[in-house]
PDB file of N, CA and C in Angstrom:
ATOM      1  N   MET A   1     -25.433  48.258 -27.038  1.00  0.00           N
ATOM      2  CA  MET A   1     -24.437  48.753 -26.008  1.00  0.00           C
ATOM      3  C   MET A   1     -23.615  49.742 -26.051  1.00  0.00           C
ATOM      4  N   PRO A   2     -23.581  50.322 -24.872  1.00  0.00           N
ATOM      5  CA  PRO A   2     -22.900  51.564 -24.768  1.00  0.00           C
ATOM      6  C   PRO A   2     -21.112  51.201 -25.088  1.00  0.00           C
ATOM      7  N   LEU A   3     -20.814  52.430 -25.082  1.00  0.00           N
ATOM      8  CA  LEU A   3     -19.149  52.763 -25.495  1.00  0.00           C
ATOM      9  C   LEU A   3     -18.758  52.980 -24.121  1.00  0.00           C
ATOM     10  N   TYR A   4     -17.698  52.690 -23.333  1.00  0.00           N
ATOM     11  CA  TYR A   4     -17.202  52.937 -22.189  1.00  0.00           C
ATOM     12  C   TYR A   4     -15.402  53.144 -22.143  1.00  0.00           C
ATOM     13  N   SER A   5     -14.898  54.158 -21.910  1.00  0.00           N
ATOM     14  CA  SER A   5     -13.340  53.973 -21.661  1.00  0.00           C
ATOM     15  C   SER A   5     -12.768  53.053 -20.586  1.00  0.00           C
ATOM     16  N   PHE A   6     -11.385  52.381 -20.918  1.00  0.00           N
ATOM     17  CA  PHE A   6     -11.079  51.796 -20.198  1.00  0.00           C
ATOM     18  C   PHE A   6      -9.847  52.202 -20.472  1.00  0.00           C
ATOM     19  N   HIS A   7      -9.394  51.971 -18.814  1.00  0.00           N
ATOM     20  CA  HIS A   7      -7.596  51.813 -18.753  1.00  0.00           C
ATOM     21  C   HIS A   7      -7.082  50.765 -18.483  1.00  0.00           C
ATOM     22  N   CYS A   8      -5.796  50.424 -19.271  1.00  0.00           N
ATOM     23  CA  CYS A   8      -5.495  48.856 -19.156  1.00  0.00           C
ATOM     24  C   CYS A   8      -4.193  48.759 -18.267  1.00  0.00           C
ATOM     25  N   LYS A   9      -4.149  48.042 -17.134  1.00  0.00           N
ATOM     26  CA  LYS A   9      -3.126  48.355 -15.809  1.00  0.00           C
ATOM     27  C   LYS A   9      -2.067  47.384 -16.182  1.00  0.00           C
ATOM     28  N   LYS A  10      -1.935  46.343 -17.257  1.00  0.00           N
ATOM     29  CA  LYS A  10      -0.868  46.193 -17.940  1.00  0.00           C
ATOM     30  C   LYS A  10      -0.265  46.670 -19.200  1.00  0.00           C
ATOM     31  N   CYS A  11      -0.601  47.188 -20.307  1.00  0.00           N
ATOM     32  CA  CYS A  11       0.058  48.236 -20.969  1.00  0.00           C
ATOM     33  C   CYS A  11       0.125  49.910 -20.679  1.00  0.00           C
ATOM     34  N   ASN A  12      -1.377  50.080 -19.465  1.00  0.00           N
ATOM     35  CA  ASN A  12      -1.041  51.346 -19.856  1.00  0.00           C
ATOM     36  C   ASN A  12      -1.368  52.796 -20.672  1.00  0.00           C
ATOM     37  N   LYS A  13      -2.599  51.654 -21.125  1.00  0.00           N
ATOM     38  CA  LYS A  13      -3.419  52.363 -22.383  1.00  0.00           C
ATOM     39  C   LYS A  13      -4.455  52.646 -22.449  1.00  0.00           C
ATOM     40  N   GLU A  14      -5.556  53.762 -23.089  1.00  0.00           N
ATOM     41  CA  GLU A  14      -6.977  53.694 -22.959  1.00  0.00           C
ATOM     42  C   GLU A  14      -7.564  53.764 -24.015  1.00  0.00           C
ATOM     43  N   SER A  15      -8.253  52.866 -23.811  1.00  0.00           N
ATOM     44  CA  SER A  15      -9.167  52.413 -25.591  1.00  0.00           C
ATOM     45  C   SER A  15     -11.042  52.943 -24.707  1.00  0.00           C
ATOM     46  N   GLU A  16     -11.476  52.670 -26.306  1.00  0.00           N
ATOM     47  CA  GLU A  16     -13.220  52.782 -25.844  1.00  0.00           C
ATOM     48  C   GLU A  16     -13.419  51.781 -25.995  1.00  0.00           C
ATOM     49  N   VAL A  17     -14.446  50.719 -25.243  1.00  0.00           N
ATOM     50  CA  VAL A  17     -15.179  49.534 -25.982  1.00  0.00           C
ATOM     51  C   VAL A  17     -16.100  49.952 -25.919  1.00  0.00           C
ATOM     52  N   LEU A  18     -17.332  48.504 -26.538  1.00  0.00           N
ATOM     53  CA  LEU A  18     -18.439  48.134 -26.912  1.00  0.00           C
ATOM     54  C   LEU A  18     -18.600  47.286 -25.182  1.00  0.00           C
ATOM     55  N   ALA A  19     -19.150  47.803 -24.234  1.00  0.00           N
ATOM     56  CA  ALA A  19     -19.093  46.859 -23.237  1.00  0.00           C
ATOM     57  C   ALA A  19     -20.429  46.769 -22.599  1.00  0.00           C
ATOM     58  N   GLY A  20     -21.090  45.914 -22.510  1.00  0.00           N
ATOM     59  CA  GLY A  20     -22.354  45.620 -21.184  1.00  0.00           C
ATOM     60  C   GLY A  20     -21.958  46.503 -19.876  1.00  0.00           C
ATOM     61  N   PHE A  21     -22.442  46.797 -18.981  1.00  0.00           N
ATOM     62  CA  PHE A  21     -22.475  47.588 -17.785  1.00  0.00           C
ATOM     63  C   PHE A  21     -21.715  46.431 -16.364  1.00  0.00           C
ATOM     64  N   ASP A  22     -21.966  45.380 -16.685  1.00  0.00           N
ATOM     65  CA  ASP A  22     -21.232  44.422 -15.543  1.00  0.00           C
ATOM     66  C   ASP A  22     -19.972  43.898 -16.086  1.00  0.00           C
ATOM     67  N   GLU A  23     -19.590  44.032 -17.620  1.00  0.00           N
ATOM     68  CA  GLU A  23     -18.713  43.633 -18.065  1.00  0.00           C
ATOM     69  C   GLU A  23     -17.335  44.357 -18.316  1.00  0.00           C
ATOM     70  N   THR A  24     -16.253  43.530 -18.078  1.00  0.00           N
ATOM     71  CA  THR A  24     -15.153  43.999 -18.345  1.00  0.00           C
ATOM     72  C   THR A  24     -14.558  43.551 -19.252  1.00  0.00           C
ATOM     73  N   PRO A  25     -13.691  43.736 -20.339  1.00  0.00           N
ATOM     74  CA  PRO A  25     -13.416  43.296 -21.563  1.00  0.00           C
ATOM     75  C   PRO A  25     -12.129  43.554 -21.842  1.00  0.00           C
ATOM     76  N   GLY A  26     -11.533  41.923 -23.124  1.00  0.00           N
ATOM     77  CA  GLY A  26     -10.330  42.417 -22.675  1.00  0.00           C
ATOM     78  C   GLY A  26      -9.690  43.312 -23.965  1.00  0.00           C
ATOM     79  N   CYS A  27      -7.947  44.252 -22.970  1.00  0.00           N
ATOM     80  CA  CYS A  27      -7.367  44.695 -23.501  1.00  0.00           C
ATOM     81  C   CYS A  27      -7.102  44.809 -25.408  1.00  0.00           C
ATOM     82  N   PRO A  28      -8.096  45.574 -25.847  1.00  0.00           N
ATOM     83  CA  PRO A  28      -7.825  45.427 -27.464  1.00  0.00           C
ATOM     84  C   PRO A  28      -6.249  45.516 -27.785  1.00  0.00           C
ATOM     85  N   ARG A  29      -5.590  46.154 -27.433  1.00  0.00           N
ATOM     86  CA  ARG A  29      -3.704  46.431 -27.574  1.00  0.00           C
ATOM     87  C   ARG A  29      -2.962  45.260 -27.257  1.00  0.00           C
ATOM     88  N   CYS A  30      -3.145  44.452 -26.197  1.00  0.00           N
ATOM     89  CA  CYS A  30      -2.821  43.139 -25.522  1.00  0.00           C
ATOM     90  C   CYS A  30      -3.231  42.416 -25.093  1.00  0.00           C
ATOM     91  N   GLY A  31      -4.281  42.317 -25.403  1.00  0.00           N
ATOM     92  CA  GLY A  31      -5.193  40.903 -24.677  1.00  0.00           C
ATOM     93  C   GLY A  31      -5.616  41.277 -23.202  1.00  0.00           C
ATOM     94  N   SER A  32      -4.797  42.059 -21.998  1.00  0.00           N
ATOM     95  CA  SER A  32      -4.795  41.925 -21.060  1.00  0.00           C
ATOM     96  C   SER A  32      -6.308  41.381 -20.370  1.00  0.00           C
ATOM     97  N   THR A  33      -6.768  41.063 -19.169  1.00  0.00           N
ATOM     98  CA  THR A  33      -8.527  41.702 -18.574  1.00  0.00           C
ATOM     99  C   THR A  33      -8.406  42.574 -17.340  1.00  0.00           C
ATOM    100  N   ARG A  34      -7.127  43.239 -17.536  1.00  0.00           N
ATOM    101  CA  ARG A  34      -6.867  43.863 -16.025  1.00  0.00           C
ATOM    102  C   ARG A  34      -7.263  45.047 -16.723  1.00  0.00           C
ATOM    103  N   MET A  35      -8.702  45.489 -16.498  1.00  0.00           N
ATOM    104  CA  MET A  35      -9.031  46.550 -17.674  1.00  0.00           C
ATOM    105  C   MET A  35      -9.961  47.320 -16.260  1.00  0.00           C
ATOM    106  N   GLU A  36      -9.733  48.709 -16.218  1.00  0.00           N
ATOM    107  CA  GLU A  36     -10.485  49.833 -15.386  1.00  0.00           C
ATOM    108  C   GLU A  36     -10.911  50.523 -16.216  1.00  0.00           C
ATOM    109  N   ARG A  37     -13.120  50.661 -15.840  1.00  0.00           N
ATOM    110  CA  ARG A  37     -13.810  50.929 -15.949  1.00  0.00           C
ATOM    111  C   ARG A  37     -12.742  53.118 -15.990  1.00  0.00           C
ATOM    112  N   LEU A  38     -13.234  53.596 -16.662  1.00  0.00           N
ATOM    113  CA  LEU A  38     -12.722  55.242 -16.276  1.00  0.00           C
ATOM    114  C   LEU A  38     -14.312  56.188 -16.268  1.00  0.00           C
ATOM    115  N   PRO A  39     -14.208  56.899 -15.480  1.00  0.00           N
ATOM    116  CA  PRO A  39     -15.576  57.781 -15.058  1.00  0.00           C
ATOM    117  C   PRO A  39     -15.735  58.650 -16.372  1.00  0.00           C
ATOM    118  N   SER A  40     -17.314  58.370 -16.828  1.00  0.00           N
ATOM    119  CA  SER A  40     -17.495  59.341 -18.005  1.00  0.00           C
ATOM    120  C   SER A  40     -17.598  60.620 -17.813  1.00  0.00           C
ATOM    121  N   ARG A  41     -17.928  61.576 -18.548  1.00  0.00           N
ATOM    122  CA  ARG A  41     -17.925  62.895 -18.222  1.00  0.00           C
ATOM    123  C   ARG A  41     -19.599  62.670 -18.693  1.00  0.00           C
ATOM    124  N   PRO A  42     -20.451  63.344 -17.913  1.00  0.00           N
ATOM    125  CA  PRO A  42     -22.160  64.143 -18.678  1.00  0.00           C
ATOM    126  C   PRO A  42     -21.746  64.847 -19.407  1.00  0.00           C
ATOM    127  N   ALA A  43     -22.714  64.417 -20.246  1.00  0.00           N
ATOM    128  CA  ALA A  43     -22.728  65.707 -21.523  1.00  0.00           C
ATOM    129  C   ALA A  43     -23.444  66.865 -21.197  1.00  0.00           C
ATOM    130  N   ALA A  44     -23.191  68.144 -21.444  1.00  0.00           N
ATOM    131  CA  ALA A  44     -24.109  69.244 -20.689  1.00  0.00           C
ATOM    132  C   ALA A  44     -25.414  69.028 -21.718  1.00  0.00           C
ATOM    133  N   PRO A  45     -26.257  69.523 -21.414  1.00  0.00           N
ATOM    134  CA  PRO A  45     -27.626  69.649 -21.479  1.00  0.00           C
ATOM    135  C   PRO A  45     -27.678  70.889 -22.412  1.00  0.00           C
ATOM    136  N   LEU A  46     -28.363  70.049 -23.506  1.00  0.00           N
ATOM    137  CA  LEU A  46     -28.899  70.945 -24.626  1.00  0.00           C
ATOM    138  C   LEU A  46     -30.279  71.172 -25.325  1.00  0.00           C
ATOM    139  N   THR A  47     -30.859  72.288 -25.281  1.00  0.00           N
ATOM    140  CA  THR A  47     -32.127  72.575 -25.641  1.00  0.00           C
ATOM    141  C   THR A  47     -32.198  72.495 -26.788  1.00  0.00           C
ATOM    142  N   TYR A  48     -33.290  72.080 -27.773  1.00  0.00           N
ATOM    143  CA  TYR A  48     -33.650  71.953 -29.084  1.00  0.00           C
ATOM    144  C   TYR A  48     -33.658  73.091 -29.671  1.00  0.00           C
ATOM    145  N   LYS A  49     -33.982  74.419 -29.439  1.00  0.00           N
ATOM    146  CA  LYS A  49     -33.937  75.070 -29.307  1.00  0.00           C
ATOM    147  C   LYS A  49     -32.348  75.850 -29.949  1.00  0.00           C
ATOM    148  N   SER A  50     -31.373  76.010 -28.521  1.00  0.00           N
ATOM    149  CA  SER A  50     -30.738  75.941 -28.906  1.00  0.00           C
ATOM    150  C   SER A  50     -29.611  75.881 -29.421  1.00  0.00           C
ATOM    151  N   TYR A  51     -29.525  74.307 -30.172  1.00  0.00           N
ATOM    152  CA  TYR A  51     -29.637  73.396 -30.855  1.00  0.00           C
ATOM    153  C   TYR A  51     -29.295  74.131 -32.306  1.00  0.00           C
ATOM    154  N   VAL A  52     -30.827  74.475 -32.645  1.00  0.00           N
ATOM    155  CA  VAL A  52     -31.287  74.854 -33.970  1.00  0.00           C
ATOM    156  C   VAL A  52     -30.666  75.877 -34.086  1.00  0.00           C
ATOM    157  N   ARG A  53     -30.252  76.932 -33.176  1.00  0.00           N
ATOM    158  CA  ARG A  53     -30.270  78.371 -33.927  1.00  0.00           C
ATOM    159  C   ARG A  53     -28.520  77.813 -33.404  1.00  0.00           C
ATOM    160  N   LYS A  54     -27.619  77.135 -32.864  1.00  0.00           N
ATOM    161  CA  LYS A  54     -26.213  77.240 -33.304  1.00  0.00           C
ATOM    162  C   LYS A  54     -25.888  76.595 -34.460  1.00  0.00           C
ATOM    163  N   MET A  55     -26.954  75.453 -34.578  1.00  0.00           N
ATOM    164  CA  MET A  55     -26.185  74.663 -36.351  1.00  0.00           C
ATOM    165  C   MET A  55     -26.647  75.543 -37.885  1.00  0.00           C
ATOM    166  N   ARG A  56     -28.099  76.529 -37.692  1.00  0.00           N
ATOM    167  CA  ARG A  56     -28.264  77.318 -38.354  1.00  0.00           C
ATOM    168  C   ARG A  56     -27.209  78.676 -38.540  1.00  0.00           C
ATOM    169  N   ALA A  57     -26.611  79.129 -37.455  1.00  0.00           N
ATOM    170  CA  ALA A  57     -25.576  79.669 -37.612  1.00  0.00           C
ATOM    171  C   ALA A  57     -24.007  79.395 -38.139  1.00  0.00           C
ATOM    172  N   GLN A  58     -24.036  78.447 -37.821  1.00  0.00           N
ATOM    173  CA  GLN A  58     -22.815  77.136 -38.776  1.00  0.00           C
ATOM    174  C   GLN A  58     -23.065  77.629 -40.337  1.00  0.00           C
ATOM    175  N   ALA A  59     -24.390  76.854 -40.384  1.00  0.00           N
ATOM    176  CA  ALA A  59     -25.100  77.432 -42.362  1.00  0.00           C
ATOM    177  C   ALA A  59     -24.440  78.346 -42.576  1.00  0.00           C
ATOM    178  N   ALA A  60     -24.858  79.139 -42.149  1.00  0.00           N
ATOM    179  CA  ALA A  60     -25.384  80.539 -42.206  1.00  0.00           C
ATOM    180  C   ALA A  60     -23.915  81.031 -42.663  1.00  0.00           C
ATOM    181  N   LYS A  61     -22.850  80.357 -41.708  1.00  0.00           N
ATOM    182  CA  LYS A  61     -21.577  80.905 -41.969  1.00  0.00           C
ATOM    183  C   LYS A  61     -21.016  80.320 -43.082  1.00  0.00           C
ATOM    184  N   GLU A  62     -21.195  78.919 -43.419  1.00  0.00           N
ATOM    185  CA  GLU A  62     -20.646  78.227 -44.338  1.00  0.00           C
ATOM    186  C   GLU A  62     -20.943  78.871 -45.446  1.00  0.00           C
ATOM    187  N   GLY A  63     -21.675  79.245 -45.889  1.00  0.00           N
ATOM    188  CA  GLY A  63     -22.532  79.547 -46.511  1.00  0.00           C
ATOM    189  C   GLY A  63     -23.777  79.058 -47.476  1.00  0.00           C
ATOM    190  N   ASP A  64     -23.938  77.574 -46.446  1.00  0.00           N
ATOM    191  CA  ASP A  64     -25.706  77.035 -46.668  1.00  0.00           C
ATOM    192  C   ASP A  64     -26.416  77.445 -46.866  1.00  0.00           C
ATOM    193  N   LEU A  65     -27.091  78.362 -47.259  1.00  0.00           N
ATOM    194  CA  LEU A  65     -28.815  78.860 -47.027  1.00  0.00           C
ATOM    195  C   LEU A  65     -30.151  77.901 -47.324  1.00  0.00           C
ATOM    196  N   SER A  66     -29.258  77.079 -47.446  1.00  0.00           N
ATOM    197  CA  SER A  66     -30.941  75.801 -47.923  1.00  0.00           C
ATOM    198  C   SER A  66     -31.465  75.921 -46.821  1.00  0.00           C
ATOM    199  N   ASN A  67     -31.582  75.802 -45.571  1.00  0.00           N
ATOM    200  CA  ASN A  67     -32.813  75.393 -44.597  1.00  0.00           C
ATOM    201  C   ASN A  67     -33.295  76.938 -44.046  1.00  0.00           C
ATOM    202  N   PHE A  68     -32.660  77.851 -44.624  1.00  0.00           N
ATOM    203  CA  PHE A  68     -33.304  78.993 -44.602  1.00  0.00           C
ATOM    204  C   PHE A  68     -34.708  79.452 -45.712  1.00  0.00           C
ATOM    205  N   SER A  69     -35.504  80.106 -44.948  1.00  0.00           N
ATOM    206  CA  SER A  69     -36.914  80.200 -45.870  1.00  0.00           C
ATOM    207  C   SER A  69     -36.297  81.469 -46.540  1.00  0.00           C
ATOM    208  N   ARG A  70     -37.062  81.700 -47.795  1.00  0.00           N
ATOM    209  CA  ARG A  70     -36.812  82.920 -48.925  1.00  0.00           C
ATOM    210  C   ARG A  70     -36.550  84.146 -48.189  1.00  0.00           C
ATOM    211  N   ALA A  71     -37.025  84.625 -47.383  1.00  0.00           N
ATOM    212  CA  ALA A  71     -37.550  85.961 -47.176  1.00  0.00           C
ATOM    213  C   ALA A  71     -35.909  85.776 -45.470  1.00  0.00           C
ATOM    214  N   GLU A  72     -35.526  84.743 -45.024  1.00  0.00           N
ATOM    215  CA  GLU A  72     -34.358  84.612 -44.237  1.00  0.00           C
ATOM    216  C   GLU A  72     -32.888  85.167 -45.186  1.00  0.00           C
ATOM    217  N   ARG A  73     -33.373  84.385 -46.242  1.00  0.00           N
ATOM    218  CA  ARG A  73     -31.961  84.423 -46.962  1.00  0.00           C
ATOM    219  C   ARG A  73     -31.512  85.861 -47.688  1.00  0.00           C
ATOM    220  N   THR A  74     -31.990  86.573 -47.496  1.00  0.00           N
ATOM    221  CA  THR A  74     -32.155  87.558 -48.170  1.00  0.00           C
ATOM    222  C   THR A  74     -31.511  88.815 -47.188  1.00  0.00           C
ATOM    223  N   LYS A  75     -31.231  88.309 -45.808  1.00  0.00           N
ATOM    224  CA  LYS A  75     -30.941  88.871 -44.934  1.00  0.00           C
ATOM    225  C   LYS A  75     -29.388  88.981 -45.175  1.00  0.00           C
ATOM    226  N   PHE A  76     -28.810  87.382 -45.599  1.00  0.00           N
ATOM    227  CA  PHE A  76     -27.571  87.085 -45.316  1.00  0.00           C
ATOM    228  C   PHE A  76     -27.016  87.509 -46.799  1.00  0.00           C
ATOM    229  N   LYS A  77     -27.358  87.573 -47.872  1.00  0.00           N
ATOM    230  CA  LYS A  77     -26.980  87.908 -49.336  1.00  0.00           C
ATOM    231  C   LYS A  77     -26.964  89.646 -49.271  1.00  0.00           C
ATOM    232  N   ALA A  78     -25.725  90.164 -49.592  1.00  0.00           N
ATOM    233  CA  ALA A  78     -25.394  91.120 -49.300  1.00  0.00           C
ATOM    234  C   ALA A  78     -24.351  91.673 -50.157  1.00  0.00           C
TER     235      ALA A  78
END
Protein backbone atom coordinates (compact mmCIF):
# COMPACT_ATOMS: atom_id res chain seq x y z
CA MET A 1 0.00 0.00 0.00
CA PRO A 2 1.27 3.47 -0.79
CA LEU A 3 1.79 6.26 1.73
CA TYR A 4 -0.59 9.20 1.25
CA SER A 5 -0.85 12.58 2.96
CA PHE A 6 -4.22 13.51 4.44
CA HIS A 7 -5.64 16.60 6.12
CA CYS A 8 -8.13 16.11 8.95
CA LYS A 9 -10.98 18.59 8.76
CA LYS A 10 -11.86 18.04 12.43
CA CYS A 11 -8.50 18.58 14.19
CA ASN A 12 -6.86 20.52 11.30
CA LYS A 13 -3.72 18.31 11.30
CA GLU A 14 -1.87 16.64 8.43
CA SER A 15 -0.82 13.00 8.56
CA GLU A 16 0.83 10.46 6.29
CA VAL A 17 -1.14 7.21 6.25
CA LEU A 18 -0.77 3.87 4.48
CA ALA A 19 -4.01 3.55 2.55
CA GLY A 20 -5.44 2.09 -0.62
CA PHE A 21 -6.28 4.48 -3.45
CA ASP A 22 -10.05 4.40 -2.84
CA GLU A 23 -9.75 4.20 0.94
CA THR A 24 -10.29 7.13 3.31
CA PRO A 25 -8.69 6.23 6.66
CA GLY A 26 -9.47 7.62 10.09
CA CYS A 27 -7.33 10.37 11.54
CA PRO A 28 -4.49 8.88 13.64
CA ARG A 29 -4.71 11.86 16.02
CA CYS A 30 -8.43 12.28 16.71
CA GLY A 31 -10.07 9.29 15.00
CA SER A 32 -12.29 11.36 12.69
CA THR A 33 -13.14 10.02 9.25
CA ARG A 34 -13.35 13.55 7.79
CA MET A 35 -10.01 13.17 6.01
CA GLU A 36 -9.10 14.90 2.76
CA ARG A 37 -6.36 13.43 0.56
CA LEU A 38 -3.69 16.00 -0.27
CA PRO A 39 -2.10 16.19 -3.71
CA SER A 40 1.36 14.68 -3.79
CA ARG A 41 4.38 16.24 -5.40
CA PRO A 42 5.93 14.22 -8.21
CA ALA A 43 9.52 13.14 -7.78
CA ALA A 44 12.05 14.75 -10.05
CA PRO A 45 13.40 12.40 -12.71
CA LEU A 46 16.77 11.02 -11.73
CA THR A 47 19.02 9.14 -14.09
CA TYR A 48 21.14 6.35 -12.73
CA LYS A 49 24.39 7.97 -13.88
CA SER A 50 23.58 11.26 -12.15
CA TYR A 51 22.65 9.39 -8.97
CA VAL A 52 25.93 7.45 -8.94
CA ARG A 53 27.92 10.62 -9.62
CA LYS A 54 26.13 12.44 -6.79
CA MET A 55 26.59 9.59 -4.28
CA ARG A 56 30.26 9.12 -5.17
CA ALA A 57 30.90 12.84 -4.75
CA GLN A 58 29.18 12.75 -1.36
CA ALA A 59 31.24 9.72 -0.29
CA ALA A 60 34.49 11.41 -1.35
CA LYS A 61 33.51 14.57 0.51
CA GLU A 62 32.95 12.50 3.67
CA GLY A 63 36.27 10.68 3.22
CA ASP A 64 34.78 7.28 2.37
CA LEU A 65 36.71 6.07 -0.65
CA SER A 66 35.73 2.38 -0.45
CA ASN A 67 33.58 2.57 -3.59
CA PHE A 68 36.41 4.01 -5.70
CA SER A 69 39.06 2.05 -7.60
CA ARG A 70 42.69 2.16 -6.42
CA ALA A 71 43.57 4.58 -9.27
CA GLU A 72 40.67 6.87 -8.34
CA ARG A 73 41.64 6.89 -4.65
CA THR A 74 45.00 8.48 -5.43
CA LYS A 75 43.22 11.47 -6.95
CA PHE A 76 41.55 12.28 -3.65
CA LYS A 77 44.51 11.68 -1.33
CA ALA A 78 46.67 14.74 -1.30
